[in-house]
Amino acid sequence: MFESLSERLESAFKQLKGEGRISEINVATTVKEIRRALVDADVNYRIAKEFTDRVKDKAMGEKVLTAISPGQLMVKIVKDELVELMGTTEEELDLKANPTVILIAGLQGSGKTTFSGKLANFLKTKKNKKPLLVAADIYRPAAIDQLKVLGGQIGVEVYSEPENKNAVQIAENAVKEAKANGYNVVIVDTAGRLAVDEAMMTEVSNVRNAVKPQEVLFVVDSMTGQDAVNTAKAFNERLDFSGIVLTKLDGDTRGGAALTITYTVQKPIKFVSMGEKLDTLDVFYPERMAQRILGMGDITTLVERAQAQFNEEQAKKLEKKIRQNQFDFDDFKEQLQQIKKMGSIKDLLGMIPGVGKAVKDLDISDDSFKGIEAIINSMTPQERGNPDLIDGSRRKRIAKGAGKEIQDVNQFMKQFEQMRQMMKMMNKIPGGARGLKMR
């Protein structure tokens, strides 16, 4: 995500490396490179110029303190301007109404239906809501089936009328269903087209007028660049939507849409979505995104994802087992599964300050843990609970069952034992094991 832009900005800041002070010449050179980086990232030239003009004005108006270099000062100024460009602060959904109606709009292929499922899961698990998904896309083949599959995966009901070709009626009936059966959020997945056309706009406008949603979210494919911004303008003129959702941020996107869409339509980005997994939905925080673009990492989001997977009771049990030197393969497998739920491994590593650049060219597969899990799954329950039982003959059997070489099992066993020894040493440090507990 934004890897190319991050590299270009880093290169621009190097123009100030070794400089003792800010000058009109070195600022002009740096700003020129920043502008080129933004334009290459598919930012509209006019917006890129306005952005860099503000950066230049601020840089020339600052005095460099002895504690920081001109390069550090420029990074801070650019970060502040990026935050401003992307909306300053996060914007939460308006969920006060009962039921709250949320209308999902956007072009076909933007990821509306998948986002609808992710949003339902987000509201159910993180906001303690009882959502109802509504299949109001009456044109796309299998749209209803797709939404039902997603609803089934997260345990959320889907309202549909397969024989009804009137999207307005479907949406109205769904709201009545929600009121009658205690659903406090209604998420209406509407139809899209391959391009903006009058028929689509009229239909989604009619649905909006009929159900009067508290939120209208425009879903946009981040990979479409400036086209996304132009589409957002067209939808906003007809729907006056309340927020934007950026999907496919894990794709090969140059980032221009994410940077300028709020500036262009004056509506906040409320969510960003990556991948197909239904728990990969994040609230959009402009400052955190700016930090990631500038290679500063995003440790806050990393900690929040970890806290969502590790609860207090689990942490206490794990701490007790570590203190008693009883950490086993079942515990290890459980930790792997929780880490996998946090999202893409490469994305997680990129949130750690200073690590993003180191892993950007590495091919880190989300299947990296499969070999380890295969080895653990080939063990008997007794072996998983008591690693010391596993001798040479058992290792051969485990390797065969996992489809691995005996060397793979030996290496894993060695690494696991090293980890146990490290945990054992931590037990000797006052409060050491407690440091593992999620706070």
Protein backbone atom coordinates (compact mmCIF):
# COMPACT_ATOMS: atom_id res chain seq x y z
CA MET A 1 0.00 0.00 0.00
CA PHE A 2 1.51 3.34 -1.14
CA GLU A 3 4.94 1.67 -1.45
CA SER A 4 5.93 3.58 -4.57
CA LEU A 5 4.78 6.90 -3.10
CA SER A 6 6.63 6.20 0.16
CA GLU A 7 9.86 5.49 -1.74
CA ARG A 8 9.56 8.66 -3.83
CA LEU A 9 8.88 10.83 -0.78
CA GLU A 10 11.83 9.30 1.06
CA SER A 11 14.00 10.11 -1.94
CA ALA A 12 12.72 13.69 -1.92
CA PHE A 13 13.61 14.15 1.76
CA LYS A 14 17.16 13.00 1.02
CA GLN A 15 17.62 16.27 -0.84
CA LEU A 16 17.95 17.86 2.60
CA LYS A 17 20.35 15.29 4.01
CA GLY A 18 23.47 16.92 5.36
CA GLU A 19 21.97 20.40 5.11
CA GLY A 20 22.48 22.49 8.21
CA ARG A 21 19.59 24.84 7.62
CA ILE A 22 16.48 25.46 5.55
CA SER A 23 17.09 27.58 2.48
CA GLU A 24 14.98 28.63 -0.46
CA ILE A 25 17.15 26.55 -2.80
CA ASN A 26 17.10 23.24 -0.92
CA VAL A 27 13.39 23.59 -0.06
CA ALA A 28 12.53 24.30 -3.69
CA THR A 29 14.41 21.18 -4.83
CA THR A 30 12.72 19.01 -2.21
CA VAL A 31 9.26 20.38 -2.89
CA LYS A 32 9.70 19.78 -6.62
CA GLU A 33 10.46 16.10 -5.94
CA ILE A 34 7.48 15.82 -3.58
CA ARG A 35 5.21 17.26 -6.27
CA ARG A 36 6.53 14.74 -8.80
CA ALA A 37 5.96 11.91 -6.31
CA LEU A 38 2.35 12.97 -5.76
CA VAL A 39 1.60 13.33 -9.46
CA ASP A 40 3.14 9.91 -10.14
CA ALA A 41 0.87 8.56 -7.39
CA ASP A 42 -2.08 9.78 -9.50
CA VAL A 43 -2.76 12.92 -7.48
CA ASN A 44 -4.32 15.65 -9.61
CA TYR A 45 -1.60 18.15 -10.62
CA ARG A 46 -3.54 21.16 -9.30
CA ILE A 47 -3.98 19.52 -5.90
CA ALA A 48 -0.34 18.40 -5.86
CA LYS A 49 0.79 21.96 -6.57
CA GLU A 50 -1.47 23.45 -3.90
CA PHE A 51 -0.16 20.86 -1.43
CA THR A 52 3.50 21.54 -2.15
CA ASP A 53 2.97 25.31 -2.16
CA ARG A 54 1.64 25.02 1.41
CA VAL A 55 4.57 22.79 2.37
CA LYS A 56 7.04 25.30 0.94
CA ASP A 57 5.40 28.25 2.70
CA LYS A 58 5.46 26.44 6.04
CA ALA A 59 9.04 25.26 5.58
CA MET A 60 10.32 28.75 4.77
CA GLY A 61 8.48 30.14 7.76
CA GLU A 62 10.08 27.70 10.19
CA LYS A 63 13.34 27.98 12.05
CA VAL A 64 15.19 24.70 12.35
CA LEU A 65 15.87 23.85 15.97
CA THR A 66 19.25 22.43 16.90
CA ALA A 67 17.53 19.22 18.02
CA ILE A 68 16.15 18.40 14.56
CA SER A 69 17.51 18.47 11.03
CA PRO A 70 15.93 20.23 8.02
CA GLY A 71 14.96 16.79 6.71
CA GLN A 72 13.13 15.92 9.92
CA LEU A 73 11.35 19.25 9.85
CA MET A 74 10.24 18.67 6.26
CA VAL A 75 8.91 15.19 7.13
CA LYS A 76 6.83 16.69 9.94
CA ILE A 77 5.44 19.44 7.71
CA VAL A 78 4.55 16.95 4.96
CA LYS A 79 2.92 14.62 7.49
CA ASP A 80 0.78 17.44 8.88
CA GLU A 81 -0.27 18.47 5.38
CA LEU A 82 -1.12 14.86 4.43
CA VAL A 83 -3.32 14.60 7.52
CA GLU A 84 -5.07 17.82 6.53
CA LEU A 85 -5.50 16.59 2.96
CA MET A 86 -7.07 13.31 4.08
CA GLY A 87 -9.52 14.77 6.57
CA THR A 88 -7.73 15.63 9.85
CA THR A 89 -9.61 13.25 12.17
CA GLU A 90 -11.52 9.98 12.01
CA GLU A 91 -15.29 10.12 11.47
CA GLU A 92 -17.58 7.63 13.19
CA LEU A 93 -20.88 6.29 11.87
CA ASP A 94 -24.11 7.86 13.11
CA LEU A 95 -25.74 4.89 14.88
CA LYS A 96 -28.19 6.72 17.14
CA ALA A 97 -31.39 5.84 15.21
CA ASN A 98 -33.19 2.55 15.82
CA PRO A 99 -32.97 1.07 13.34
CA THR A 100 -30.05 2.90 11.74
CA VAL A 101 -30.29 2.58 7.95
CA ILE A 102 -27.00 2.52 6.04
CA LEU A 103 -27.15 2.72 2.24
CA ILE A 104 -24.17 1.30 0.31
CA ALA A 105 -23.55 2.79 -3.15
CA GLY A 106 -20.85 2.61 -5.80
CA LEU A 107 -19.91 1.19 -9.18
CA GLN A 108 -20.05 -2.51 -10.00
CA GLY A 109 -16.81 -4.22 -9.04
CA SER A 110 -15.89 -1.66 -6.37
CA GLY A 111 -16.44 -4.20 -3.59
CA LYS A 112 -19.84 -3.02 -2.28
CA THR A 113 -21.21 -6.46 -1.40
CA THR A 114 -18.03 -7.65 0.31
CA PHE A 115 -17.85 -4.36 2.22
CA SER A 116 -21.49 -4.78 3.29
CA GLY A 117 -20.56 -8.11 4.85
CA LYS A 118 -17.48 -6.63 6.50
CA LEU A 119 -19.50 -3.72 7.88
CA ALA A 120 -22.13 -6.07 9.30
CA ASN A 121 -19.37 -8.08 10.98
CA PHE A 122 -17.74 -4.89 12.31
CA LEU A 123 -21.01 -3.61 13.79
CA LYS A 124 -21.87 -6.99 15.28
CA THR A 125 -18.50 -7.73 16.88
CA LYS A 126 -17.22 -4.26 17.76
CA LYS A 127 -20.37 -2.20 18.27
CA ASN A 128 -22.61 -4.91 19.75
CA LYS A 129 -25.28 -4.29 17.11
CA LYS A 130 -27.81 -6.65 15.52
CA PRO A 131 -27.51 -5.88 11.79
CA LEU A 132 -29.72 -6.97 8.91
CA LEU A 133 -28.17 -7.21 5.45
CA VAL A 134 -30.44 -6.30 2.52
CA ALA A 135 -29.91 -7.64 -1.00
CA ALA A 136 -31.19 -4.74 -3.11
CA ASP A 137 -29.00 -5.43 -6.16
CA ILE A 138 -31.64 -6.76 -8.55
CA TYR A 139 -29.42 -6.95 -11.65
CA ARG A 140 -26.13 -8.67 -10.94
CA PRO A 141 -26.34 -12.47 -11.23
CA ALA A 142 -25.77 -14.25 -7.92
CA ALA A 143 -25.70 -10.96 -5.96
CA ILE A 144 -28.26 -12.31 -3.50
CA ASP A 145 -26.38 -15.60 -3.15
CA GLN A 146 -23.10 -13.78 -2.52
CA LEU A 147 -24.62 -11.70 0.25
CA LYS A 148 -26.21 -14.79 1.81
CA VAL A 149 -22.87 -16.60 1.82
CA LEU A 150 -21.24 -13.61 3.53
CA GLY A 151 -24.09 -13.34 6.03
CA GLY A 152 -23.80 -17.04 6.80
CA GLN A 153 -20.08 -16.71 7.52
CA ILE A 154 -20.64 -14.04 10.16
CA GLY A 155 -24.01 -15.15 11.50
CA VAL A 156 -26.00 -12.18 10.16
CA GLU A 157 -29.46 -12.49 8.56
CA VAL A 158 -29.95 -11.43 4.94
CA TYR A 159 -33.27 -9.99 3.73
CA SER A 160 -34.05 -10.68 0.09
CA GLU A 161 -36.98 -10.92 -2.33
CA PRO A 162 -35.57 -12.87 -5.30
CA GLU A 163 -38.67 -12.43 -7.47
CA ASN A 164 -39.08 -8.71 -6.80
CA LYS A 165 -37.38 -6.40 -9.29
CA ASN A 166 -38.22 -3.19 -7.43
CA ALA A 167 -35.24 -2.14 -5.32
CA VAL A 168 -37.23 0.58 -3.54
CA GLN A 169 -39.88 -1.90 -2.36
CA ILE A 170 -37.22 -4.36 -1.21
CA ALA A 171 -35.47 -1.69 0.86
CA GLU A 172 -38.74 -0.43 2.36
CA ASN A 173 -39.86 -3.95 3.25
CA ALA A 174 -36.47 -4.69 4.81
CA VAL A 175 -36.77 -1.68 7.13
CA LYS A 176 -40.24 -2.91 8.20
CA GLU A 177 -38.71 -6.35 8.82
CA ALA A 178 -35.99 -4.79 10.98
CA LYS A 179 -38.48 -2.84 13.08
CA ALA A 180 -40.65 -5.92 13.60
CA ASN A 181 -37.81 -8.25 14.60
CA GLY A 182 -35.43 -6.13 16.66
CA TYR A 183 -32.67 -5.42 14.14
CA ASN A 184 -31.04 -2.11 15.05
CA VAL A 185 -28.98 -1.62 11.87
CA VAL A 186 -30.12 -2.13 8.27
CA ILE A 187 -27.36 -2.33 5.62
CA VAL A 188 -28.75 -1.94 2.09
CA ASP A 189 -26.49 -3.27 -0.67
CA THR A 190 -27.55 -1.50 -3.88
CA ALA A 191 -26.85 -2.24 -7.54
CA GLY A 192 -23.96 -0.72 -9.47
CA ARG A 193 -22.96 -0.36 -13.09
CA LEU A 194 -19.62 -0.53 -14.89
CA ALA A 195 -19.82 3.24 -15.32
CA VAL A 196 -21.97 6.09 -14.02
CA ASP A 197 -25.31 6.18 -15.82
CA GLU A 198 -28.69 7.80 -15.29
CA ALA A 199 -30.61 4.58 -14.61
CA MET A 200 -28.34 3.57 -11.74
CA MET A 201 -28.31 7.07 -10.25
CA THR A 202 -32.08 7.36 -10.43
CA GLU A 203 -32.61 3.99 -8.75
CA VAL A 204 -30.19 4.56 -5.87
CA SER A 205 -31.61 8.08 -5.39
CA ASN A 206 -35.12 6.64 -5.21
CA VAL A 207 -33.99 4.07 -2.61
CA ARG A 208 -32.42 6.85 -0.58
CA ASN A 209 -35.55 8.99 -0.71
CA ALA A 210 -37.70 6.03 0.32
CA VAL A 211 -35.79 4.73 3.36
CA LYS A 212 -34.10 8.00 4.43
CA PRO A 213 -30.82 6.44 5.60
CA GLN A 214 -28.77 7.94 8.42
CA GLU A 215 -25.61 7.03 6.50
CA VAL A 216 -24.91 6.82 2.77
CA LEU A 217 -21.51 5.27 2.15
CA PHE A 218 -19.83 5.52 -1.24
CA VAL A 219 -17.58 2.53 -1.91
CA VAL A 220 -14.65 3.17 -4.22
CA ASP A 221 -11.97 0.90 -5.63
CA SER A 222 -8.63 2.51 -4.66
CA MET A 223 -6.93 0.98 -7.69
CA THR A 224 -8.92 3.14 -10.11
CA GLY A 225 -6.97 6.29 -9.18
CA GLN A 226 -8.34 9.62 -10.39
CA ASP A 227 -11.32 7.85 -11.96
CA ALA A 228 -12.37 7.08 -8.40
CA VAL A 229 -12.32 10.78 -7.54
CA ASN A 230 -14.37 11.69 -10.62
CA THR A 231 -16.90 8.95 -9.83
CA ALA A 232 -17.13 10.16 -6.25
CA LYS A 233 -17.96 13.67 -7.46
CA ALA A 234 -20.78 12.33 -9.69
CA PHE A 235 -22.28 10.22 -6.88
CA ASN A 236 -21.99 13.02 -4.35
CA GLU A 237 -23.86 15.44 -6.58
CA ARG A 238 -26.83 13.04 -6.69
CA LEU A 239 -26.67 11.35 -3.29
CA ASP A 240 -24.86 13.81 -1.03
CA PHE A 241 -23.27 10.79 0.65
CA SER A 242 -22.05 10.96 4.24
CA GLY A 243 -18.82 9.02 3.93
CA ILE A 244 -16.37 7.17 1.70
CA VAL A 245 -15.05 3.61 1.86
CA LEU A 246 -11.75 2.80 0.17
CA THR A 247 -11.47 -0.85 -0.88
CA LYS A 248 -8.60 -2.93 -2.30
CA LEU A 249 -5.92 -0.94 -0.52
CA ASP A 250 -3.84 -4.10 -0.54
CA GLY A 251 -3.74 -4.04 -4.34
CA ASP A 252 -1.30 -2.34 -6.69
CA THR A 253 -2.60 1.13 -5.99
CA ARG A 254 -0.65 4.35 -6.42
CA GLY A 255 -2.63 6.04 -3.65
CA GLY A 256 -3.86 9.17 -5.39
CA ALA A 257 -7.55 8.48 -4.75
CA ALA A 258 -7.01 7.94 -1.04
CA LEU A 259 -5.04 11.15 -0.74
CA THR A 260 -7.35 13.49 -2.62
CA ILE A 261 -10.89 12.15 -2.56
CA THR A 262 -11.81 13.88 0.72
CA TYR A 263 -10.19 17.13 -0.41
CA THR A 264 -12.17 17.00 -3.67
CA VAL A 265 -15.68 16.14 -2.42
CA GLN A 266 -15.34 17.42 1.16
CA LYS A 267 -16.64 14.16 2.62
CA PRO A 268 -14.71 12.00 5.10
CA ILE A 269 -13.20 8.59 4.43
CA LYS A 270 -14.80 6.43 7.13
CA PHE A 271 -13.40 2.96 6.39
CA VAL A 272 -10.57 1.28 4.51
CA SER A 273 -10.81 -2.33 3.40
CA MET A 274 -8.12 -4.82 2.41
CA GLY A 275 -8.54 -8.39 1.16
CA GLU A 276 -11.54 -10.69 1.14
CA LYS A 277 -11.53 -11.75 4.80
CA LEU A 278 -14.54 -10.36 6.61
CA ASP A 279 -12.54 -9.08 9.57
CA THR A 280 -10.22 -6.92 7.44
CA LEU A 281 -12.02 -3.61 7.86
CA ASP A 282 -10.42 -0.64 9.58
CA VAL A 283 -11.73 2.75 10.63
CA PHE A 284 -9.82 5.37 8.64
CA TYR A 285 -7.45 7.51 10.70
CA PRO A 286 -5.81 10.24 8.58
CA GLU A 287 -2.81 10.64 10.90
CA ARG A 288 -2.09 6.92 11.00
CA MET A 289 -2.31 6.71 7.22
CA ALA A 290 0.04 9.66 6.84
CA GLN A 291 2.53 7.97 9.17
CA ARG A 292 2.43 4.79 7.11
CA ILE A 293 2.91 6.70 3.85
CA LEU A 294 6.00 8.34 5.33
CA GLY A 295 7.42 5.05 6.58
CA MET A 296 6.75 5.81 10.25
CA GLY A 297 4.69 2.66 10.77
CA ASP A 298 1.34 2.44 12.55
CA ILE A 299 1.95 0.87 15.92
CA THR A 300 -1.42 2.08 17.28
CA THR A 301 -3.43 0.06 14.75
CA LEU A 302 -1.15 -2.94 15.32
CA VAL A 303 -1.81 -2.85 19.06
CA GLU A 304 -5.56 -2.42 18.52
CA ARG A 305 -5.67 -5.46 16.24
CA ALA A 306 -3.74 -7.48 18.80
CA GLN A 307 -6.05 -6.43 21.62
CA ALA A 308 -9.07 -7.48 19.53
CA GLN A 309 -7.69 -11.03 19.35
CA PHE A 310 -6.13 -11.49 22.81
CA ASN A 311 -8.54 -11.10 25.72
CA GLU A 312 -7.63 -10.71 29.39
CA GLU A 313 -8.66 -14.23 30.38
CA GLN A 314 -6.57 -15.84 27.62
CA ALA A 315 -3.60 -13.67 28.57
CA LYS A 316 -3.80 -14.76 32.21
CA LYS A 317 -3.94 -18.45 31.28
CA LEU A 318 -0.98 -18.05 28.94
CA GLU A 319 1.00 -16.15 31.57
CA LYS A 320 0.37 -18.93 34.12
CA LYS A 321 1.53 -21.65 31.72
CA ILE A 322 4.66 -19.68 30.84
CA ARG A 323 5.48 -19.17 34.52
CA GLN A 324 5.08 -22.90 35.15
CA ASN A 325 7.15 -23.74 32.06
CA GLN A 326 4.14 -25.56 30.56
CA PHE A 327 3.85 -23.71 27.24
CA ASP A 328 3.09 -26.44 24.68
CA PHE A 329 2.26 -26.92 20.99
CA ASP A 330 -1.47 -26.37 21.55
CA ASP A 331 -0.66 -22.94 23.02
CA PHE A 332 1.71 -22.19 20.15
CA LYS A 333 -0.89 -23.14 17.54
CA GLU A 334 -3.49 -20.96 19.25
CA GLN A 335 -1.13 -17.98 19.13
CA LEU A 336 -0.50 -18.55 15.41
CA GLN A 337 -4.23 -18.62 14.68
CA GLN A 338 -4.78 -15.38 16.57
CA ILE A 339 -1.95 -13.68 14.70
CA LYS A 340 -3.45 -14.82 11.37
CA LYS A 341 -6.77 -13.21 12.34
CA MET A 342 -5.02 -9.86 12.70
CA GLY A 343 -4.53 -9.60 8.92
CA SER A 344 -1.84 -9.95 6.28
CA ILE A 345 1.57 -10.78 7.78
CA LYS A 346 3.35 -8.31 5.48
CA ASP A 347 0.80 -5.62 6.35
CA LEU A 348 1.31 -6.25 10.07
CA LEU A 349 5.10 -6.03 9.72
CA GLY A 350 4.69 -2.79 7.77
CA MET A 351 2.95 -1.25 10.80
CA ILE A 352 6.12 -1.60 12.88
CA PRO A 353 8.19 1.62 12.65
CA GLY A 354 11.31 1.07 10.57
CA VAL A 355 10.28 -2.40 9.38
CA GLY A 356 8.11 -1.41 6.42
CA LYS A 357 11.07 -0.60 4.16
CA ALA A 358 12.85 -3.79 5.13
CA VAL A 359 9.97 -6.08 4.12
CA LYS A 360 8.62 -4.23 1.09
CA ASP A 361 10.52 -6.40 -1.41
CA LEU A 362 10.13 -9.65 0.50
CA ASP A 363 7.65 -12.26 -0.70
CA ILE A 364 5.88 -12.91 2.60
CA SER A 365 2.97 -15.27 2.04
CA ASP A 366 -0.02 -15.43 4.36
CA ASP A 367 0.44 -19.22 4.06
CA SER A 368 3.79 -18.98 5.87
CA PHE A 369 2.39 -20.72 8.94
CA LYS A 370 0.79 -23.64 7.09
CA GLY A 371 3.91 -25.81 7.28
CA ILE A 372 4.19 -25.27 11.03
CA GLU A 373 0.49 -25.98 11.54
CA ALA A 374 0.80 -29.18 9.47
CA ILE A 375 3.61 -30.38 11.74
CA ILE A 376 1.63 -29.61 14.91
CA ASN A 377 -1.53 -31.23 13.48
CA SER A 378 0.45 -34.43 12.80
CA MET A 379 1.22 -34.79 16.50
CA THR A 380 -0.96 -36.78 18.88
CA PRO A 381 -2.84 -34.85 21.60
CA GLN A 382 -0.34 -36.22 24.13
CA GLU A 383 2.61 -34.97 22.06
CA ARG A 384 1.10 -31.52 21.63
CA GLY A 385 0.53 -31.26 25.37
CA ASN A 386 3.96 -32.65 26.31
CA PRO A 387 6.66 -31.69 23.79
CA ASP A 388 9.29 -33.63 25.77
CA LEU A 389 7.67 -36.92 24.61
CA ILE A 390 8.75 -36.36 21.02
CA ASP A 391 11.79 -38.54 20.34
CA GLY A 392 13.47 -39.50 17.05
CA SER A 393 10.93 -42.12 15.96
CA ARG A 394 8.01 -39.83 16.75
CA ARG A 395 9.64 -37.06 14.70
CA LYS A 396 9.86 -39.37 11.69
CA ARG A 397 6.16 -40.20 12.01
CA ILE A 398 5.23 -36.51 12.41
CA ALA A 399 7.30 -35.55 9.35
CA LYS A 400 5.59 -38.21 7.24
CA GLY A 401 2.14 -37.15 8.43
CA ALA A 402 2.85 -33.48 7.67
CA GLY A 403 4.40 -34.19 4.27
CA LYS A 404 7.68 -32.68 5.47
CA GLU A 405 11.30 -33.76 5.67
CA ILE A 406 12.67 -34.89 9.03
CA GLN A 407 15.03 -31.88 8.89
CA ASP A 408 12.00 -29.54 8.83
CA VAL A 409 10.59 -31.13 11.98
CA ASN A 410 14.00 -31.07 13.70
CA GLN A 411 14.45 -27.38 12.87
CA PHE A 412 10.98 -26.50 14.14
CA MET A 413 11.52 -28.49 17.35
CA LYS A 414 14.83 -26.70 17.90
CA GLN A 415 13.24 -23.26 17.39
CA PHE A 416 10.34 -24.17 19.68
CA GLU A 417 12.73 -25.32 22.42
CA GLN A 418 14.74 -22.10 22.09
CA MET A 419 11.52 -20.15 22.54
CA ARG A 420 10.62 -22.17 25.64
CA GLN A 421 14.06 -21.53 27.10
CA MET A 422 13.65 -17.81 26.49
CA MET A 423 10.28 -17.89 28.28
CA LYS A 424 11.90 -19.83 31.13
CA MET A 425 14.52 -17.11 31.50
CA MET A 426 11.80 -14.46 31.54
CA ASN A 427 10.24 -16.23 34.52
CA LYS A 428 13.38 -15.41 36.51
CA ILE A 429 12.92 -11.71 35.82
CA PRO A 430 10.44 -10.05 38.26
CA GLY A 431 7.30 -9.25 36.25
CA GLY A 432 8.91 -10.69 33.10
CA ALA A 433 6.08 -12.96 31.97
CA ARG A 434 3.58 -10.26 32.79
CA GLY A 435 5.09 -8.24 29.99
CA LEU A 436 3.46 -10.65 27.55
CA LYS A 437 0.01 -9.83 28.82
CA MET A 438 -2.08 -7.63 26.52
CA ARG A 439 -3.03 -4.40 28.21
